[in-house]
């Protein structure tokens, strides 16, 4: 009788009937869409203020901020960063609020990349 038990145990351990050995494919998760944050040129906001905004809210160096400010000035718009939706939205709100508090018409927008 004990021999029968071991034979049954050997048959059960062959791995055929065990759940969890079947390969399951996971659905591929898509990366969240990214959003470009852009600063628009205007004729009233001082260039120094734009440089300060770029340094303060986007973590750019003074030299990077100055170059980007010149791009905004010459081309009318420049992408200042690419972020997830929530971060882009927050950056736009921070820049717009800061500009309004300092009575500058600086515009900051975002669009899907």
N, C-alpha and C. Protein backbone atom coordinates (compact mmCIF):
# COMPACT_ATOMS: atom_id res chain seq x y z
N UNK A 1 0.80 -1.19 0.00
CA UNK A 1 0.00 0.00 0.00
C UNK A 1 0.85 1.27 0.00
N UNK A 2 1.89 1.23 0.76
CA UNK A 2 2.78 2.39 0.79
C UNK A 2 3.42 2.61 -0.57
N UNK A 3 3.72 1.55 -1.29
CA UNK A 3 4.29 1.66 -2.63
C UNK A 3 3.31 2.33 -3.57
N UNK A 4 2.01 2.01 -3.43
CA UNK A 4 0.99 2.65 -4.26
C UNK A 4 0.94 4.16 -4.01
N UNK A 5 1.10 4.54 -2.74
CA UNK A 5 1.07 5.97 -2.39
C UNK A 5 2.23 6.71 -3.08
N UNK A 6 3.45 6.13 -3.03
CA UNK A 6 4.59 6.76 -3.66
C UNK A 6 4.45 6.83 -5.17
N UNK A 7 3.85 5.82 -5.78
CA UNK A 7 3.65 5.83 -7.23
C UNK A 7 2.67 6.93 -7.62
N UNK A 8 1.62 7.10 -6.80
CA UNK A 8 0.64 8.16 -7.07
C UNK A 8 1.30 9.53 -6.89
N UNK A 9 2.13 9.64 -5.86
CA UNK A 9 2.80 10.92 -5.61
C UNK A 9 3.74 11.26 -6.76
N UNK A 10 4.43 10.23 -7.32
CA UNK A 10 5.33 10.47 -8.44
C UNK A 10 4.55 10.96 -9.65
N UNK A 11 3.37 10.37 -9.88
CA UNK A 11 2.56 10.78 -11.03
C UNK A 11 2.03 12.21 -10.85
N UNK A 12 1.70 12.56 -9.63
CA UNK A 12 1.17 13.89 -9.38
C UNK A 12 2.25 14.96 -9.51
N UNK A 13 3.49 14.62 -9.28
CA UNK A 13 4.56 15.61 -9.32
C UNK A 13 5.17 15.78 -10.70
N UNK A 14 4.59 15.17 -11.72
CA UNK A 14 5.19 15.30 -13.04
C UNK A 14 4.97 16.68 -13.66
N UNK A 15 4.18 17.52 -13.01
CA UNK A 15 4.03 18.89 -13.45
C UNK A 15 2.97 19.11 -14.50
N UNK A 16 2.35 18.07 -14.97
CA UNK A 16 1.37 18.23 -16.04
C UNK A 16 0.09 18.88 -15.54
N UNK A 17 -0.38 18.46 -14.38
CA UNK A 17 -1.67 18.94 -13.89
C UNK A 17 -1.56 20.17 -12.99
N UNK A 18 -0.37 20.69 -12.78
CA UNK A 18 -0.23 21.80 -11.85
C UNK A 18 -0.66 23.12 -12.50
N UNK A 19 -1.56 23.82 -11.86
CA UNK A 19 -1.90 25.15 -12.38
C UNK A 19 -0.74 26.10 -12.10
N UNK A 20 -0.61 27.11 -12.87
CA UNK A 20 0.44 28.08 -12.65
C UNK A 20 1.67 27.83 -13.51
N UNK A 21 1.73 26.70 -14.17
CA UNK A 21 2.85 26.46 -15.05
C UNK A 21 2.56 26.94 -16.47
N UNK A 22 1.30 27.18 -16.75
CA UNK A 22 0.94 27.68 -18.07
C UNK A 22 1.49 29.10 -18.20
N UNK A 23 2.01 29.42 -19.35
CA UNK A 23 2.55 30.75 -19.57
C UNK A 23 1.41 31.72 -19.84
N UNK A 24 1.40 32.76 -19.05
CA UNK A 24 0.37 33.79 -19.24
C UNK A 24 1.06 35.01 -19.82
N UNK A 25 0.44 35.60 -20.79
CA UNK A 25 1.00 36.83 -21.35
C UNK A 25 0.34 38.00 -20.66
N UNK A 26 1.16 38.93 -20.25
CA UNK A 26 0.63 40.14 -19.62
C UNK A 26 0.30 41.15 -20.70
N UNK A 27 -0.78 41.89 -20.51
CA UNK A 27 -1.06 42.94 -21.49
C UNK A 27 0.04 44.00 -21.39
N UNK A 28 0.46 44.48 -22.54
CA UNK A 28 1.51 45.50 -22.55
C UNK A 28 0.91 46.83 -22.10
N UNK A 29 1.59 47.45 -21.17
CA UNK A 29 1.10 48.74 -20.70
C UNK A 29 1.73 49.83 -21.57
N UNK A 30 0.90 50.77 -21.96
CA UNK A 30 1.40 51.87 -22.77
C UNK A 30 1.96 52.94 -21.86
N UNK A 31 3.01 53.59 -22.35
CA UNK A 31 3.55 54.72 -21.60
C UNK A 31 2.54 55.86 -21.65
N UNK A 32 2.44 56.61 -20.57
CA UNK A 32 1.51 57.74 -20.60
C UNK A 32 1.98 58.77 -21.62
N UNK A 33 1.05 59.48 -22.24
CA UNK A 33 1.47 60.50 -23.21
C UNK A 33 2.23 61.62 -22.51
N UNK A 34 3.15 62.19 -23.23
CA UNK A 34 3.96 63.28 -22.68
C UNK A 34 3.46 64.59 -23.27
N UNK A 35 3.71 65.67 -22.55
CA UNK A 35 3.22 66.98 -22.96
C UNK A 35 4.36 67.99 -22.98
N UNK A 36 4.38 68.78 -24.06
CA UNK A 36 5.37 69.84 -24.20
C UNK A 36 4.85 71.08 -23.47
N UNK A 37 5.70 71.68 -22.68
CA UNK A 37 5.37 72.96 -22.03
C UNK A 37 6.11 74.03 -22.82
N UNK A 38 5.36 75.05 -23.23
CA UNK A 38 5.92 76.09 -24.09
C UNK A 38 5.70 77.47 -23.49
N UNK A 39 6.66 78.34 -23.72
CA UNK A 39 6.56 79.75 -23.33
C UNK A 39 6.39 80.54 -24.61
N UNK A 40 5.45 81.49 -24.58
CA UNK A 40 5.17 82.32 -25.76
C UNK A 40 5.72 83.72 -25.55
N UNK A 41 6.16 84.30 -26.63
CA UNK A 41 6.71 85.65 -26.59
C UNK A 41 5.58 86.68 -26.49
N UNK A 42 5.88 87.78 -25.84
CA UNK A 42 5.00 88.94 -25.85
C UNK A 42 5.90 90.18 -25.83
N UNK A 43 5.31 91.32 -26.07
CA UNK A 43 6.10 92.54 -26.18
C UNK A 43 6.27 93.28 -24.85
N UNK A 44 5.79 92.70 -23.76
CA UNK A 44 5.77 93.43 -22.50
C UNK A 44 6.56 92.79 -21.37
N UNK A 45 6.63 91.48 -21.33
CA UNK A 45 7.34 90.78 -20.25
C UNK A 45 8.85 90.99 -20.42
N UNK A 46 9.52 91.48 -19.39
CA UNK A 46 10.97 91.68 -19.50
C UNK A 46 11.71 90.36 -19.70
N UNK A 47 12.77 90.42 -20.47
CA UNK A 47 13.57 89.22 -20.74
C UNK A 47 14.13 88.64 -19.45
N UNK A 48 14.51 89.49 -18.52
CA UNK A 48 15.06 89.02 -17.24
C UNK A 48 14.04 88.20 -16.46
N UNK A 49 12.77 88.60 -16.57
CA UNK A 49 11.71 87.86 -15.88
C UNK A 49 11.57 86.47 -16.48
N UNK A 50 11.63 86.37 -17.79
CA UNK A 50 11.53 85.06 -18.46
C UNK A 50 12.69 84.17 -18.03
N UNK A 51 13.88 84.73 -17.97
CA UNK A 51 15.06 83.97 -17.53
C UNK A 51 14.84 83.46 -16.10
N UNK A 52 14.33 84.32 -15.24
CA UNK A 52 14.07 83.93 -13.85
C UNK A 52 13.04 82.80 -13.77
N UNK A 53 11.99 82.88 -14.58
CA UNK A 53 10.96 81.84 -14.61
C UNK A 53 11.56 80.50 -15.04
N UNK A 54 12.38 80.53 -16.07
CA UNK A 54 13.00 79.30 -16.57
C UNK A 54 13.92 78.67 -15.53
N UNK A 55 14.65 79.49 -14.83
CA UNK A 55 15.54 78.98 -13.77
C UNK A 55 14.72 78.41 -12.61
N UNK A 56 13.72 79.17 -12.21
CA UNK A 56 12.96 78.82 -11.00
C UNK A 56 12.05 77.60 -11.19
N UNK A 57 11.32 77.55 -12.29
CA UNK A 57 10.31 76.50 -12.46
C UNK A 57 10.77 75.31 -13.31
N UNK A 58 11.85 75.49 -14.06
CA UNK A 58 12.29 74.40 -14.93
C UNK A 58 13.70 73.92 -14.60
N UNK A 59 14.31 74.50 -13.57
CA UNK A 59 15.60 74.03 -13.10
C UNK A 59 16.75 74.19 -14.08
N UNK A 60 16.64 75.17 -14.96
CA UNK A 60 17.69 75.41 -15.94
C UNK A 60 18.77 76.32 -15.36
N UNK A 61 19.96 76.20 -15.89
CA UNK A 61 21.03 77.11 -15.48
C UNK A 61 20.73 78.50 -16.07
N UNK A 62 21.49 79.47 -15.61
CA UNK A 62 21.30 80.83 -16.13
C UNK A 62 21.59 80.86 -17.64
N UNK A 63 22.67 80.19 -18.06
CA UNK A 63 23.03 80.17 -19.48
C UNK A 63 21.96 79.48 -20.32
N UNK A 64 21.44 78.35 -19.84
CA UNK A 64 20.38 77.65 -20.57
C UNK A 64 19.13 78.52 -20.65
N UNK A 65 18.79 79.15 -19.54
CA UNK A 65 17.60 80.01 -19.50
C UNK A 65 17.73 81.19 -20.45
N UNK A 66 18.91 81.77 -20.49
CA UNK A 66 19.15 82.91 -21.38
C UNK A 66 18.99 82.49 -22.84
N UNK A 67 19.57 81.35 -23.21
CA UNK A 67 19.46 80.86 -24.59
C UNK A 67 18.01 80.57 -24.95
N UNK A 68 17.28 79.95 -24.04
CA UNK A 68 15.87 79.64 -24.30
C UNK A 68 15.03 80.91 -24.40
N UNK A 69 15.33 81.87 -23.56
CA UNK A 69 14.63 83.17 -23.63
C UNK A 69 14.86 83.82 -24.99
N UNK A 70 16.08 83.75 -25.50
CA UNK A 70 16.36 84.31 -26.83
C UNK A 70 15.59 83.57 -27.92
N UNK A 71 15.46 82.27 -27.79
CA UNK A 71 14.66 81.49 -28.75
C UNK A 71 13.21 81.95 -28.73
N UNK A 72 12.67 82.12 -27.53
CA UNK A 72 11.28 82.61 -27.40
C UNK A 72 11.18 83.99 -28.04
N UNK A 73 12.13 84.85 -27.77
CA UNK A 73 12.12 86.21 -28.29
C UNK A 73 12.19 86.23 -29.83
N UNK A 74 13.04 85.39 -30.40
CA UNK A 74 13.24 85.39 -31.85
C UNK A 74 12.17 84.61 -32.61
N UNK A 75 11.77 83.47 -32.08
CA UNK A 75 10.83 82.59 -32.80
C UNK A 75 9.39 82.72 -32.35
N UNK A 76 9.17 83.38 -31.21
CA UNK A 76 7.81 83.57 -30.73
C UNK A 76 7.34 82.51 -29.76
N UNK A 77 8.00 81.36 -29.75
CA UNK A 77 7.63 80.28 -28.84
C UNK A 77 8.81 79.33 -28.70
N UNK A 78 8.90 78.67 -27.55
CA UNK A 78 9.94 77.64 -27.35
C UNK A 78 9.43 76.59 -26.39
N UNK A 79 9.79 75.36 -26.66
CA UNK A 79 9.48 74.26 -25.74
C UNK A 79 10.50 74.34 -24.61
N UNK A 80 10.00 74.41 -23.39
CA UNK A 80 10.89 74.53 -22.24
C UNK A 80 11.02 73.22 -21.46
N UNK A 81 10.22 72.23 -21.83
CA UNK A 81 10.31 70.94 -21.17
C UNK A 81 9.22 70.01 -21.65
N UNK A 82 9.42 68.71 -21.43
CA UNK A 82 8.44 67.69 -21.78
C UNK A 82 8.19 66.87 -20.52
N UNK A 83 6.91 66.76 -20.15
CA UNK A 83 6.55 66.15 -18.87
C UNK A 83 5.28 65.30 -19.02
N UNK A 84 4.99 64.54 -17.97
CA UNK A 84 3.70 63.84 -17.92
C UNK A 84 2.61 64.91 -17.81
N UNK A 85 1.38 64.52 -18.04
CA UNK A 85 0.27 65.48 -18.05
C UNK A 85 0.19 66.26 -16.74
N UNK A 86 0.24 65.58 -15.61
CA UNK A 86 0.07 66.24 -14.32
C UNK A 86 1.20 67.23 -14.04
N UNK A 87 2.41 66.84 -14.36
CA UNK A 87 3.54 67.74 -14.11
C UNK A 87 3.50 68.93 -15.05
N UNK A 88 3.18 68.69 -16.32
CA UNK A 88 3.07 69.79 -17.29
C UNK A 88 1.99 70.78 -16.85
N UNK A 89 0.86 70.25 -16.43
CA UNK A 89 -0.26 71.09 -15.98
C UNK A 89 0.17 71.94 -14.78
N UNK A 90 0.89 71.33 -13.86
CA UNK A 90 1.36 72.04 -12.67
C UNK A 90 2.35 73.14 -13.04
N UNK A 91 3.28 72.83 -13.94
CA UNK A 91 4.27 73.83 -14.37
C UNK A 91 3.58 75.02 -15.02
N UNK A 92 2.62 74.77 -15.90
CA UNK A 92 1.89 75.85 -16.58
C UNK A 92 1.18 76.72 -15.54
N UNK A 93 0.51 76.08 -14.60
CA UNK A 93 -0.21 76.83 -13.56
C UNK A 93 0.75 77.65 -12.71
N UNK A 94 1.90 77.08 -12.36
CA UNK A 94 2.88 77.81 -11.56
C UNK A 94 3.40 79.04 -12.30
N UNK A 95 3.76 78.86 -13.57
CA UNK A 95 4.30 79.97 -14.36
C UNK A 95 3.24 81.06 -14.55
N UNK A 96 2.04 80.64 -14.90
CA UNK A 96 0.97 81.63 -15.13
C UNK A 96 0.63 82.39 -13.84
N UNK A 97 0.57 81.69 -12.73
CA UNK A 97 0.28 82.35 -11.45
C UNK A 97 1.39 83.32 -11.06
N UNK A 98 2.63 82.90 -11.25
CA UNK A 98 3.78 83.74 -10.93
C UNK A 98 3.79 85.00 -11.80
N UNK A 99 3.53 84.83 -13.09
CA UNK A 99 3.49 85.97 -14.01
C UNK A 99 2.36 86.94 -13.64
N UNK A 100 1.21 86.42 -13.29
CA UNK A 100 0.09 87.27 -12.91
C UNK A 100 0.39 88.04 -11.62
N UNK A 101 1.00 87.35 -10.66
CA UNK A 101 1.34 88.02 -9.39
C UNK A 101 2.34 89.16 -9.61
N UNK A 102 3.16 89.02 -10.63
CA UNK A 102 4.14 90.07 -10.95
C UNK A 102 3.66 91.00 -12.07
N UNK A 103 2.38 90.86 -12.41
CA UNK A 103 1.71 91.71 -13.40
C UNK A 103 2.39 91.69 -14.76
N UNK A 104 2.77 90.49 -15.20
CA UNK A 104 3.33 90.30 -16.54
C UNK A 104 2.38 89.43 -17.36
N UNK A 105 2.24 89.73 -18.64
CA UNK A 105 1.32 88.96 -19.48
C UNK A 105 1.94 87.68 -20.06
N UNK A 106 3.02 87.19 -19.49
CA UNK A 106 3.69 86.00 -19.98
C UNK A 106 2.71 84.82 -20.10
N UNK A 107 2.76 84.15 -21.23
CA UNK A 107 1.87 83.01 -21.47
C UNK A 107 2.69 81.72 -21.51
N UNK A 108 2.15 80.71 -20.86
CA UNK A 108 2.76 79.38 -20.84
C UNK A 108 1.66 78.39 -21.17
N UNK A 109 1.91 77.50 -22.12
CA UNK A 109 0.89 76.55 -22.53
C UNK A 109 1.51 75.14 -22.59
N UNK A 110 0.64 74.17 -22.82
CA UNK A 110 1.10 72.81 -22.99
C UNK A 110 0.31 72.15 -24.11
N UNK A 111 0.95 71.21 -24.77
CA UNK A 111 0.26 70.42 -25.80
C UNK A 111 0.87 69.04 -25.85
N UNK A 112 0.04 68.10 -26.30
CA UNK A 112 0.50 66.71 -26.37
C UNK A 112 1.66 66.59 -27.34
N UNK A 113 2.66 65.82 -26.93
CA UNK A 113 3.85 65.66 -27.76
C UNK A 113 3.53 64.80 -28.97
